[in-house]
Amino acid sequence: MTTLDVTVTGGVPAKSGNRAWRKLRANRSALAGLAVILFFAMLALIAPLLPIADPLATSWTAIRKAPSAAHWMGTDEIGRDILSRMIWGAQASLMAGIFSVGIAIAIGVPFGLIAGYFGGWIDQIISRITEAFLALPFLIMAIALAAFLGPSLSNAMIAIGLSAMPVFVRLTRGQVLAVKTEDYVEGARSIGLGHLDIMLRYILPNITAPIIVQGTLTVATAIIAEASLSFLGLGQQPPAPSWGSMLNVAKNFLDQAPWMAMWPGAAIFLVVIGFNLLGDGLRDALDPRES
């Protein structure tokens, strides 16, 4: 990964932003991914306004009904409308993905910035702790933390965020090591600016591009992790809808009602593909080496 072009004040010039936007618009795959994300995000936001069934309402006369005009995606094991639960479940999945990555960035970037900038024993301590976390598989660590904190969506987001945090520490540290020796940073030191000013005004703006790209890609991983935790009963708790918990129930009825697993599985697949396509597009758009 590379850093963005900057002016002498450490800010990202508007020209670079316009160039990145033009490159992103020319990338059809990235735009397709963005369209998928916006579609699901819009459904999640306007769910309370849509004329759909109550996602918690049961009907003992409509148990495991196939998709029809009355229930476009069919019903589940206790007669709840799957379309309604899919739309409301998008809130849990997207919120978990975005908020957990926000937690990871909010914790990981400052520690990586400090480790890379100051070096020495501070860098050694932060790096060794980060490596210890990275030695554990991401999903295993998220499951362990979620089990320790207790089953709930908020605890699942915290667990996922803490599990993803070491990646941002390592990424930020590496970017800072590459940027802090640039001439404009040395110039800032020579005029007597403090460490905090240099880090926030000159270094951080130049390492935002790879952090944004990594954050976008990590959202996809976080959505899969939330679905996995909900599948295991450690995420969103029933009867609240979640794509992962819907898959957990659907596994018992694959022969009688395959649509129960098909729709949440397809939604997870599409959203994850959308964030990956957008992340790849942002990586190309924010790379100053690409014309």
C-alpha atoms as a PDB file:
ATOM      1  CA  MET A   1       0.000   0.000   0.000  1.00  0.00           C
ATOM      2  CA  THR A   2       1.089   3.589  -0.598  1.00  0.00           C
ATOM      3  CA  THR A   3       0.387   6.964   0.909  1.00  0.00           C
ATOM      4  CA  LEU A   4      -1.630   9.798  -0.554  1.00  0.00           C
ATOM      5  CA  ASP A   5      -0.094  12.948  -1.998  1.00  0.00           C
ATOM      6  CA  VAL A   6      -0.139  15.879   0.422  1.00  0.00           C
ATOM      7  CA  THR A   7       0.528  19.576   0.505  1.00  0.00           C
ATOM      8  CA  VAL A   8       3.061  21.216   2.813  1.00  0.00           C
ATOM      9  CA  THR A   9       0.376  21.584   5.497  1.00  0.00           C
ATOM     10  CA  GLY A  10      -0.142  17.837   5.616  1.00  0.00           C
ATOM     11  CA  GLY A  11      -3.595  17.872   4.075  1.00  0.00           C
ATOM     12  CA  VAL A  12      -4.840  15.803   1.122  1.00  0.00           C
ATOM     13  CA  PRO A  13      -5.269  18.079  -1.904  1.00  0.00           C
ATOM     14  CA  ALA A  14      -8.647  18.309  -3.583  1.00  0.00           C
ATOM     15  CA  LYS A  15      -7.032  17.223  -6.850  1.00  0.00           C
ATOM     16  CA  SER A  16      -6.197  13.818  -5.353  1.00  0.00           C
ATOM     17  CA  GLY A  17      -9.746  13.429  -4.069  1.00  0.00           C
ATOM     18  CA  ASN A  18     -11.233  14.300  -7.454  1.00  0.00           C
ATOM     19  CA  ARG A  19      -8.872  11.909  -9.212  1.00  0.00           C
ATOM     20  CA  ALA A  20      -9.782   9.118  -6.811  1.00  0.00           C
ATOM     21  CA  TRP A  21     -13.500   9.742  -7.351  1.00  0.00           C
ATOM     22  CA  ARG A  22     -13.072   9.649 -11.141  1.00  0.00           C
ATOM     23  CA  LYS A  23     -11.180   6.368 -10.921  1.00  0.00           C
ATOM     24  CA  LEU A  24     -13.803   4.899  -8.618  1.00  0.00           C
ATOM     25  CA  ARG A  25     -16.630   5.904 -10.958  1.00  0.00           C
ATOM     26  CA  ALA A  26     -14.813   4.238 -13.849  1.00  0.00           C
ATOM     27  CA  ASN A  27     -14.604   0.944 -11.935  1.00  0.00           C
ATOM     28  CA  ARG A  28     -17.826  -0.917 -12.706  1.00  0.00           C
ATOM     29  CA  SER A  29     -17.166  -3.664 -10.191  1.00  0.00           C
ATOM     30  CA  ALA A  30     -16.725  -1.143  -7.383  1.00  0.00           C
ATOM     31  CA  LEU A  31     -19.903   0.682  -8.396  1.00  0.00           C
ATOM     32  CA  ALA A  32     -21.792  -2.612  -8.451  1.00  0.00           C
ATOM     33  CA  GLY A  33     -20.533  -3.370  -4.953  1.00  0.00           C
ATOM     34  CA  LEU A  34     -21.515   0.107  -3.780  1.00  0.00           C
ATOM     35  CA  ALA A  35     -24.993  -0.329  -5.293  1.00  0.00           C
ATOM     36  CA  VAL A  36     -25.487  -3.615  -3.416  1.00  0.00           C
ATOM     37  CA  ILE A  37     -24.372  -2.039  -0.138  1.00  0.00           C
ATOM     38  CA  LEU A  38     -26.617   1.000  -0.602  1.00  0.00           C
ATOM     39  CA  PHE A  39     -29.570  -1.239  -1.446  1.00  0.00           C
ATOM     40  CA  PHE A  40     -29.303  -3.243   1.756  1.00  0.00           C
ATOM     41  CA  ALA A  41     -28.490  -0.140   3.798  1.00  0.00           C
ATOM     42  CA  MET A  42     -31.588   1.611   2.460  1.00  0.00           C
ATOM     43  CA  LEU A  43     -33.766  -1.405   3.292  1.00  0.00           C
ATOM     44  CA  ALA A  44     -32.355  -1.463   6.824  1.00  0.00           C
ATOM     45  CA  LEU A  45     -32.972   2.265   7.324  1.00  0.00           C
ATOM     46  CA  ILE A  46     -36.531   2.383   6.006  1.00  0.00           C
ATOM     47  CA  ALA A  47     -37.619  -0.973   7.470  1.00  0.00           C
ATOM     48  CA  PRO A  48     -40.013   0.702   9.954  1.00  0.00           C
ATOM     49  CA  LEU A  49     -41.717   2.564   7.090  1.00  0.00           C
ATOM     50  CA  LEU A  50     -42.207  -0.376   4.742  1.00  0.00           C
ATOM     51  CA  PRO A  51     -45.648  -2.028   4.498  1.00  0.00           C
ATOM     52  CA  ILE A  52     -44.379  -5.424   5.576  1.00  0.00           C
ATOM     53  CA  ALA A  53     -45.452  -7.921   8.213  1.00  0.00           C
ATOM     54  CA  ASP A  54     -44.277  -7.766  11.792  1.00  0.00           C
ATOM     55  CA  PRO A  55     -41.009  -9.774  11.851  1.00  0.00           C
ATOM     56  CA  LEU A  56     -41.966 -11.224  15.237  1.00  0.00           C
ATOM     57  CA  ALA A  57     -45.594 -12.110  14.421  1.00  0.00           C
ATOM     58  CA  THR A  58     -46.246 -15.850  14.322  1.00  0.00           C
ATOM     59  CA  SER A  59     -48.984 -17.759  12.505  1.00  0.00           C
ATOM     60  CA  TRP A  60     -49.624 -21.412  13.261  1.00  0.00           C
ATOM     61  CA  THR A  61     -51.603 -21.718  10.024  1.00  0.00           C
ATOM     62  CA  ALA A  62     -48.622 -20.604   7.909  1.00  0.00           C
ATOM     63  CA  ILE A  63     -45.781 -22.752   9.193  1.00  0.00           C
ATOM     64  CA  ARG A  64     -42.965 -23.311   6.641  1.00  0.00           C
ATOM     65  CA  LYS A  65     -45.028 -22.088   3.717  1.00  0.00           C
ATOM     66  CA  ALA A  66     -43.225 -21.853   0.384  1.00  0.00           C
ATOM     67  CA  PRO A  67     -42.776 -18.443  -1.287  1.00  0.00           C
ATOM     68  CA  SER A  68     -46.119 -17.119  -2.546  1.00  0.00           C
ATOM     69  CA  ALA A  69     -47.988 -13.904  -3.217  1.00  0.00           C
ATOM     70  CA  ALA A  70     -48.827 -13.653   0.481  1.00  0.00           C
ATOM     71  CA  HIS A  71     -45.255 -14.355   1.627  1.00  0.00           C
ATOM     72  CA  TRP A  72     -42.756 -13.526  -1.106  1.00  0.00           C
ATOM     73  CA  MET A  73     -39.897 -15.381   0.588  1.00  0.00           C
ATOM     74  CA  GLY A  74     -42.018 -17.927   2.428  1.00  0.00           C
ATOM     75  CA  THR A  75     -42.379 -18.401   6.170  1.00  0.00           C
ATOM     76  CA  ASP A  76     -40.258 -19.998   8.868  1.00  0.00           C
ATOM     77  CA  GLU A  77     -40.807 -22.767  11.404  1.00  0.00           C
ATOM     78  CA  ILE A  78     -43.383 -20.789  13.424  1.00  0.00           C
ATOM     79  CA  GLY A  79     -45.051 -18.943  10.575  1.00  0.00           C
ATOM     80  CA  ARG A  80     -43.083 -15.686  10.615  1.00  0.00           C
ATOM     81  CA  ASP A  81     -42.673 -13.825   7.327  1.00  0.00           C
ATOM     82  CA  ILE A  82     -39.118 -14.351   6.060  1.00  0.00           C
ATOM     83  CA  LEU A  83     -39.078 -11.212   3.879  1.00  0.00           C
ATOM     84  CA  SER A  84     -39.835  -9.066   6.907  1.00  0.00           C
ATOM     85  CA  ARG A  85     -37.209 -10.817   8.994  1.00  0.00           C
ATOM     86  CA  MET A  86     -34.670 -10.471   6.178  1.00  0.00           C
ATOM     87  CA  ILE A  87     -35.183  -6.708   5.988  1.00  0.00           C
ATOM     88  CA  TRP A  88     -35.029  -6.205   9.747  1.00  0.00           C
ATOM     89  CA  GLY A  89     -32.102  -8.618   9.970  1.00  0.00           C
ATOM     90  CA  ALA A  90     -30.127  -6.358   7.620  1.00  0.00           C
ATOM     91  CA  GLN A  91     -30.010  -3.809  10.434  1.00  0.00           C
ATOM     92  CA  ALA A  92     -28.190  -6.212  12.745  1.00  0.00           C
ATOM     93  CA  SER A  93     -25.706  -7.395  10.113  1.00  0.00           C
ATOM     94  CA  LEU A  94     -24.789  -3.972   8.725  1.00  0.00           C
ATOM     95  CA  MET A  95     -24.688  -2.349  12.143  1.00  0.00           C
ATOM     96  CA  ALA A  96     -22.436  -5.113  13.450  1.00  0.00           C
ATOM     97  CA  GLY A  97     -20.100  -4.794  10.476  1.00  0.00           C
ATOM     98  CA  ILE A  98     -19.778  -1.014  10.584  1.00  0.00           C
ATOM     99  CA  PHE A  99     -19.682  -0.496  14.345  1.00  0.00           C
ATOM    100  CA  SER A 100     -17.254  -3.325  15.016  1.00  0.00           C
ATOM    101  CA  VAL A 101     -14.840  -1.977  12.397  1.00  0.00           C
ATOM    102  CA  GLY A 102     -15.281   1.470  13.915  1.00  0.00           C
ATOM    103  CA  ILE A 103     -14.208   0.029  17.273  1.00  0.00           C
ATOM    104  CA  ALA A 104     -11.204  -1.666  15.659  1.00  0.00           C
ATOM    105  CA  ILE A 105     -10.107   1.561  13.935  1.00  0.00           C
ATOM    106  CA  ALA A 106     -10.702   3.747  16.999  1.00  0.00           C
ATOM    107  CA  ILE A 107      -8.424   1.532  19.107  1.00  0.00           C
ATOM    108  CA  GLY A 108      -5.977   0.177  16.551  1.00  0.00           C
ATOM    109  CA  VAL A 109      -5.028   3.348  14.666  1.00  0.00           C
ATOM    110  CA  PRO A 110      -3.894   5.391  17.722  1.00  0.00           C
ATOM    111  CA  PHE A 111      -1.792   2.501  19.040  1.00  0.00           C
ATOM    112  CA  GLY A 112      -0.253   1.924  15.610  1.00  0.00           C
ATOM    113  CA  LEU A 113       0.407   5.644  15.234  1.00  0.00           C
ATOM    114  CA  ILE A 114       2.165   5.818  18.595  1.00  0.00           C
ATOM    115  CA  ALA A 115       4.185   2.645  17.993  1.00  0.00           C
ATOM    116  CA  GLY A 116       5.367   3.702  14.548  1.00  0.00           C
ATOM    117  CA  TYR A 117       6.126   7.295  15.450  1.00  0.00           C
ATOM    118  CA  PHE A 118       7.992   6.886  18.740  1.00  0.00           C
ATOM    119  CA  GLY A 119       9.581   3.482  18.142  1.00  0.00           C
ATOM    120  CA  GLY A 120      11.875   2.124  20.832  1.00  0.00           C
ATOM    121  CA  TRP A 121      10.460   0.317  23.845  1.00  0.00           C
ATOM    122  CA  ILE A 122       6.976   1.687  23.177  1.00  0.00           C
ATOM    123  CA  ASP A 123       7.005   0.104  19.735  1.00  0.00           C
ATOM    124  CA  GLN A 124       8.369  -3.139  21.155  1.00  0.00           C
ATOM    125  CA  ILE A 125       5.601  -3.472  23.747  1.00  0.00           C
ATOM    126  CA  ILE A 126       2.754  -2.609  21.353  1.00  0.00           C
ATOM    127  CA  SER A 127       4.172  -4.802  18.584  1.00  0.00           C
ATOM    128  CA  ARG A 128       4.629  -7.854  20.808  1.00  0.00           C
ATOM    129  CA  ILE A 129       1.096  -7.570  22.188  1.00  0.00           C
ATOM    130  CA  THR A 130      -0.240  -7.128  18.657  1.00  0.00           C
ATOM    131  CA  GLU A 131       1.632 -10.193  17.435  1.00  0.00           C
ATOM    132  CA  ALA A 132       0.222 -12.221  20.314  1.00  0.00           C
ATOM    133  CA  PHE A 133      -3.307 -11.259  19.264  1.00  0.00           C
ATOM    134  CA  LEU A 134      -2.546 -11.964  15.604  1.00  0.00           C
ATOM    135  CA  ALA A 135      -1.347 -15.454  16.532  1.00  0.00           C
ATOM    136  CA  LEU A 136      -4.959 -16.330  17.366  1.00  0.00           C
ATOM    137  CA  PRO A 137      -7.395 -17.007  14.496  1.00  0.00           C
ATOM    138  CA  PHE A 138      -9.758 -14.055  14.108  1.00  0.00           C
ATOM    139  CA  LEU A 139     -13.018 -15.992  14.401  1.00  0.00           C
ATOM    140  CA  ILE A 140     -11.829 -18.129  17.316  1.00  0.00           C
ATOM    141  CA  MET A 141     -10.851 -15.008  19.212  1.00  0.00           C
ATOM    142  CA  ALA A 142     -14.199 -13.354  18.444  1.00  0.00           C
ATOM    143  CA  ILE A 143     -16.093 -16.425  19.662  1.00  0.00           C
ATOM    144  CA  ALA A 144     -14.047 -16.554  22.875  1.00  0.00           C
ATOM    145  CA  LEU A 145     -14.575 -12.863  23.610  1.00  0.00           C
ATOM    146  CA  ALA A 146     -18.283 -13.027  22.802  1.00  0.00           C
ATOM    147  CA  ALA A 147     -18.706 -16.032  25.088  1.00  0.00           C
ATOM    148  CA  PHE A 148     -16.848 -14.191  27.847  1.00  0.00           C
ATOM    149  CA  LEU A 149     -18.858 -10.976  27.460  1.00  0.00           C
ATOM    150  CA  GLY A 150     -22.203 -12.728  27.113  1.00  0.00           C
ATOM    151  CA  PRO A 151     -24.587 -13.339  24.207  1.00  0.00           C
ATOM    152  CA  SER A 152     -25.941 -10.098  22.723  1.00  0.00           C
ATOM    153  CA  LEU A 153     -25.501  -8.066  19.564  1.00  0.00           C
ATOM    154  CA  SER A 154     -23.646  -5.265  21.349  1.00  0.00           C
ATOM    155  CA  ASN A 155     -21.214  -7.703  22.958  1.00  0.00           C
ATOM    156  CA  ALA A 156     -20.733  -9.421  19.612  1.00  0.00           C
ATOM    157  CA  MET A 157     -19.783  -6.081  18.037  1.00  0.00           C
ATOM    158  CA  ILE A 158     -17.273  -5.418  20.815  1.00  0.00           C
ATOM    159  CA  ALA A 159     -15.806  -8.915  20.433  1.00  0.00           C
ATOM    160  CA  ILE A 160     -15.475  -8.556  16.660  1.00  0.00           C
ATOM    161  CA  GLY A 161     -13.996  -5.072  16.979  1.00  0.00           C
ATOM    162  CA  LEU A 162     -11.361  -6.177  19.491  1.00  0.00           C
ATOM    163  CA  SER A 163     -10.519  -9.211  17.361  1.00  0.00           C
ATOM    164  CA  ALA A 164     -10.021  -7.050  14.247  1.00  0.00           C
ATOM    165  CA  MET A 165      -8.087  -4.324  16.081  1.00  0.00           C
ATOM    166  CA  PRO A 166      -4.572  -5.890  15.773  1.00  0.00           C
ATOM    167  CA  VAL A 167      -4.766  -5.731  11.976  1.00  0.00           C
ATOM    168  CA  PHE A 168      -5.188  -1.951  12.121  1.00  0.00           C
ATOM    169  CA  VAL A 169      -2.375  -1.593  14.674  1.00  0.00           C
ATOM    170  CA  ARG A 170       0.033  -3.416  12.381  1.00  0.00           C
ATOM    171  CA  LEU A 171      -1.155  -1.625   9.238  1.00  0.00           C
ATOM    172  CA  THR A 172      -0.961   1.832  10.830  1.00  0.00           C
ATOM    173  CA  ARG A 173       2.460   1.175  12.324  1.00  0.00           C
ATOM    174  CA  GLY A 174       3.862   0.099   8.971  1.00  0.00           C
ATOM    175  CA  GLN A 175       2.444   3.144   7.196  1.00  0.00           C
ATOM    176  CA  VAL A 176       3.773   5.500   9.862  1.00  0.00           C
ATOM    177  CA  LEU A 177       7.272   4.008   9.557  1.00  0.00           C
ATOM    178  CA  ALA A 178       7.196   4.773   5.829  1.00  0.00           C
ATOM    179  CA  VAL A 179       5.839   8.314   6.199  1.00  0.00           C
ATOM    180  CA  LYS A 180       7.661   9.717   9.237  1.00  0.00           C
ATOM    181  CA  THR A 181      10.976   9.992   7.366  1.00  0.00           C
ATOM    182  CA  GLU A 182       9.506  12.151   4.579  1.00  0.00           C
ATOM    183  CA  ASP A 183      10.882  15.663   4.103  1.00  0.00           C
ATOM    184  CA  TYR A 184       7.684  17.436   5.116  1.00  0.00           C
ATOM    185  CA  VAL A 185       7.659  15.590   8.451  1.00  0.00           C
ATOM    186  CA  GLU A 186      11.298  16.488   9.065  1.00  0.00           C
ATOM    187  CA  GLY A 187      10.446  20.074   8.153  1.00  0.00           C
ATOM    188  CA  ALA A 188       7.629  20.100  10.696  1.00  0.00           C
ATOM    189  CA  ARG A 189      10.059  18.901  13.364  1.00  0.00           C
ATOM    190  CA  SER A 190      12.612  21.549  12.410  1.00  0.00           C
ATOM    191  CA  ILE A 191      10.157  24.400  13.033  1.00  0.00           C
ATOM    192  CA  GLY A 192       9.407  23.078  16.504  1.00  0.00           C
ATOM    193  CA  LEU A 193       5.987  21.460  16.119  1.00  0.00           C
ATOM    194  CA  GLY A 194       5.039  19.047  18.886  1.00  0.00           C
ATOM    195  CA  HIS A 195       4.660  15.311  18.449  1.00  0.00           C
ATOM    196  CA  LEU A 196       0.861  15.438  18.563  1.00  0.00           C
ATOM    197  CA  ASP A 197       0.656  18.132  15.872  1.00  0.00           C
ATOM    198  CA  ILE A 198       3.024  16.213  13.615  1.00  0.00           C
ATOM    199  CA  MET A 199       1.105  12.958  14.046  1.00  0.00           C
ATOM    200  CA  LEU A 200      -2.336  14.476  13.489  1.00  0.00           C
ATOM    201  CA  ARG A 201      -1.552  17.101  10.834  1.00  0.00           C
ATOM    202  CA  TYR A 202       1.246  15.540   8.814  1.00  0.00           C
ATOM    203  CA  ILE A 203       1.287  11.773   9.294  1.00  0.00           C
ATOM    204  CA  LEU A 204      -2.326  10.695   9.848  1.00  0.00           C
ATOM    205  CA  PRO A 205      -3.740  12.380   6.689  1.00  0.00           C
ATOM    206  CA  ASN A 206      -1.162  10.516   4.628  1.00  0.00           C
ATOM    207  CA  ILE A 207      -2.049   7.055   5.917  1.00  0.00           C
ATOM    208  CA  THR A 208      -5.838   7.313   5.722  1.00  0.00           C
ATOM    209  CA  ALA A 209      -6.066   5.693   2.280  1.00  0.00           C
ATOM    210  CA  PRO A 210      -4.883   2.193   3.295  1.00  0.00           C
ATOM    211  CA  ILE A 211      -6.879   2.432   6.527  1.00  0.00           C
ATOM    212  CA  ILE A 212     -10.057   3.212   4.575  1.00  0.00           C
ATOM    213  CA  VAL A 213      -9.427   0.324   2.206  1.00  0.00           C
ATOM    214  CA  GLN A 214      -8.671  -2.097   5.038  1.00  0.00           C
ATOM    215  CA  GLY A 215     -11.717  -0.881   6.930  1.00  0.00           C
ATOM    216  CA  THR A 216     -14.000  -1.502   3.970  1.00  0.00           C
ATOM    217  CA  LEU A 217     -12.662  -5.009   3.467  1.00  0.00           C
ATOM    218  CA  THR A 218     -12.863  -5.734   7.199  1.00  0.00           C
ATOM    219  CA  VAL A 219     -16.557  -4.824   7.266  1.00  0.00           C
ATOM    220  CA  ALA A 220     -17.174  -7.852   5.054  1.00  0.00           C
ATOM    221  CA  THR A 221     -15.238 -10.057   7.465  1.00  0.00           C
ATOM    222  CA  ALA A 222     -17.124  -8.565  10.406  1.00  0.00           C
ATOM    223  CA  ILE A 223     -20.500  -9.315   8.807  1.00  0.00           C
ATOM    224  CA  ILE A 224     -19.505 -12.960   8.369  1.00  0.00           C
ATOM    225  CA  ALA A 225     -18.262 -13.011  11.966  1.00  0.00           C
ATOM    226  CA  GLU A 226     -21.557 -11.565  13.256  1.00  0.00           C
ATOM    227  CA  ALA A 227     -23.515 -14.158  11.295  1.00  0.00           C
ATOM    228  CA  SER A 228     -21.267 -16.880  12.731  1.00  0.00           C
ATOM    229  CA  LEU A 229     -21.742 -15.640  16.288  1.00  0.00           C
ATOM    230  CA  SER A 230     -25.511 -15.378  15.817  1.00  0.00           C
ATOM    231  CA  PHE A 231     -25.499 -18.873  14.304  1.00  0.00           C
ATOM    232  CA  LEU A 232     -23.805 -20.111  17.483  1.00  0.00           C
ATOM    233  CA  GLY A 233     -26.205 -18.186  19.722  1.00  0.00           C
ATOM    234  CA  LEU A 234     -23.632 -15.563  20.776  1.00  0.00           C
ATOM    235  CA  GLY A 235     -24.917 -12.645  18.698  1.00  0.00           C
ATOM    236  CA  GLN A 236     -28.389 -11.235  18.115  1.00  0.00           C
ATOM    237  CA  GLN A 237     -30.744 -13.084  20.436  1.00  0.00           C
ATOM    238  CA  PRO A 238     -34.107 -14.573  19.358  1.00  0.00           C
ATOM    239  CA  PRO A 239     -36.741 -13.593  18.574  1.00  0.00           C
ATOM    240  CA  ALA A 240     -34.972 -10.525  17.107  1.00  0.00           C
ATOM    241  CA  PRO A 241     -34.144 -11.238  13.448  1.00  0.00           C
ATOM    242  CA  SER A 242     -30.574 -11.858  12.344  1.00  0.00           C
ATOM    243  CA  TRP A 243     -29.318 -13.551   9.196  1.00  0.00           C
ATOM    244  CA  GLY A 244     -27.010 -15.781  11.227  1.00  0.00           C
ATOM    245  CA  SER A 245     -29.704 -16.925  13.668  1.00  0.00           C
ATOM    246  CA  MET A 246     -32.059 -17.504  10.744  1.00  0.00           C
ATOM    247  CA  LEU A 247     -29.493 -19.864   9.230  1.00  0.00           C
ATOM    248  CA  ASN A 248     -29.142 -21.629  12.566  1.00  0.00           C
ATOM    249  CA  VAL A 249     -32.860 -22.424  12.586  1.00  0.00           C
ATOM    250  CA  ALA A 250     -32.966 -23.201   8.864  1.00  0.00           C
ATOM    251  CA  LYS A 251     -30.338 -25.951   9.126  1.00  0.00           C
ATOM    252  CA  ASN A 252     -32.963 -28.161  10.773  1.00  0.00           C
ATOM    253  CA  PHE A 253     -35.397 -27.812   7.852  1.00  0.00           C
ATOM    254  CA  LEU A 254     -33.200 -27.971   4.745  1.00  0.00           C
ATOM    255  CA  ASP A 255     -35.234 -30.824   3.246  1.00  0.00           C
ATOM    256  CA  GLN A 256     -38.711 -29.507   4.085  1.00  0.00           C
ATOM    257  CA  ALA A 257     -38.121 -25.742   3.663  1.00  0.00           C
ATOM    258  CA  PRO A 258     -34.898 -24.924   1.801  1.00  0.00           C
ATOM    259  CA  TRP A 259     -36.003 -21.304   1.285  1.00  0.00           C
ATOM    260  CA  MET A 260     -35.432 -20.679   4.991  1.00  0.00           C
ATOM    261  CA  ALA A 261     -31.680 -21.035   4.437  1.00  0.00           C
ATOM    262  CA  MET A 262     -31.518 -19.756   0.865  1.00  0.00           C
ATOM    263  CA  TRP A 263     -32.519 -16.137   1.507  1.00  0.00           C
ATOM    264  CA  PRO A 264     -30.287 -15.266   4.491  1.00  0.00           C
ATOM    265  CA  GLY A 265     -27.391 -17.125   2.892  1.00  0.00           C
ATOM    266  CA  ALA A 266     -27.815 -15.181  -0.344  1.00  0.00           C
ATOM    267  CA  ALA A 267     -28.040 -11.879   1.546  1.00  0.00           C
ATOM    268  CA  ILE A 268     -24.801 -12.527   3.451  1.00  0.00           C
ATOM    269  CA  PHE A 269     -23.098 -13.537   0.197  1.00  0.00           C
ATOM    270  CA  LEU A 270     -24.225 -10.402  -1.664  1.00  0.00           C
ATOM    271  CA  VAL A 271     -23.323  -7.946   1.086  1.00  0.00           C
ATOM    272  CA  VAL A 272     -19.899  -9.504   1.619  1.00  0.00           C
ATOM    273  CA  ILE A 273     -19.209  -9.491  -2.122  1.00  0.00           C
ATOM    274  CA  GLY A 274     -20.376  -5.862  -2.248  1.00  0.00           C
ATOM    275  CA  PHE A 275     -17.928  -4.710   0.421  1.00  0.00           C
ATOM    276  CA  ASN A 276     -15.086  -6.694  -1.148  1.00  0.00           C
ATOM    277  CA  LEU A 277     -15.727  -5.189  -4.586  1.00  0.00           C
ATOM    278  CA  LEU A 278     -15.932  -1.700  -3.106  1.00  0.00           C
ATOM    279  CA  GLY A 279     -12.757  -2.264  -1.097  1.00  0.00           C
ATOM    280  CA  ASP A 280     -10.866  -3.411  -4.178  1.00  0.00           C
ATOM    281  CA  GLY A 281     -12.144  -0.381  -6.093  1.00  0.00           C
ATOM    282  CA  LEU A 282     -11.083   2.000  -3.321  1.00  0.00           C
ATOM    283  CA  ARG A 283      -7.650   0.402  -3.219  1.00  0.00           C
ATOM    284  CA  ASP A 284      -7.152   1.130  -6.909  1.00  0.00           C
ATOM    285  CA  ALA A 285      -8.740   4.596  -6.729  1.00  0.00           C
ATOM    286  CA  LEU A 286      -6.658   5.753  -3.750  1.00  0.00           C
ATOM    287  CA  ASP A 287      -3.368   4.439  -5.119  1.00  0.00           C
ATOM    288  CA  PRO A 288      -1.452   7.514  -6.368  1.00  0.00           C
ATOM    289  CA  ARG A 289       0.716   5.315  -8.575  1.00  0.00           C
ATOM    290  CA  GLU A 290      -2.297   4.498 -10.747  1.00  0.00           C
ATOM    291  CA  SER A 291      -3.081   7.087 -13.386  1.00  0.00           C
END
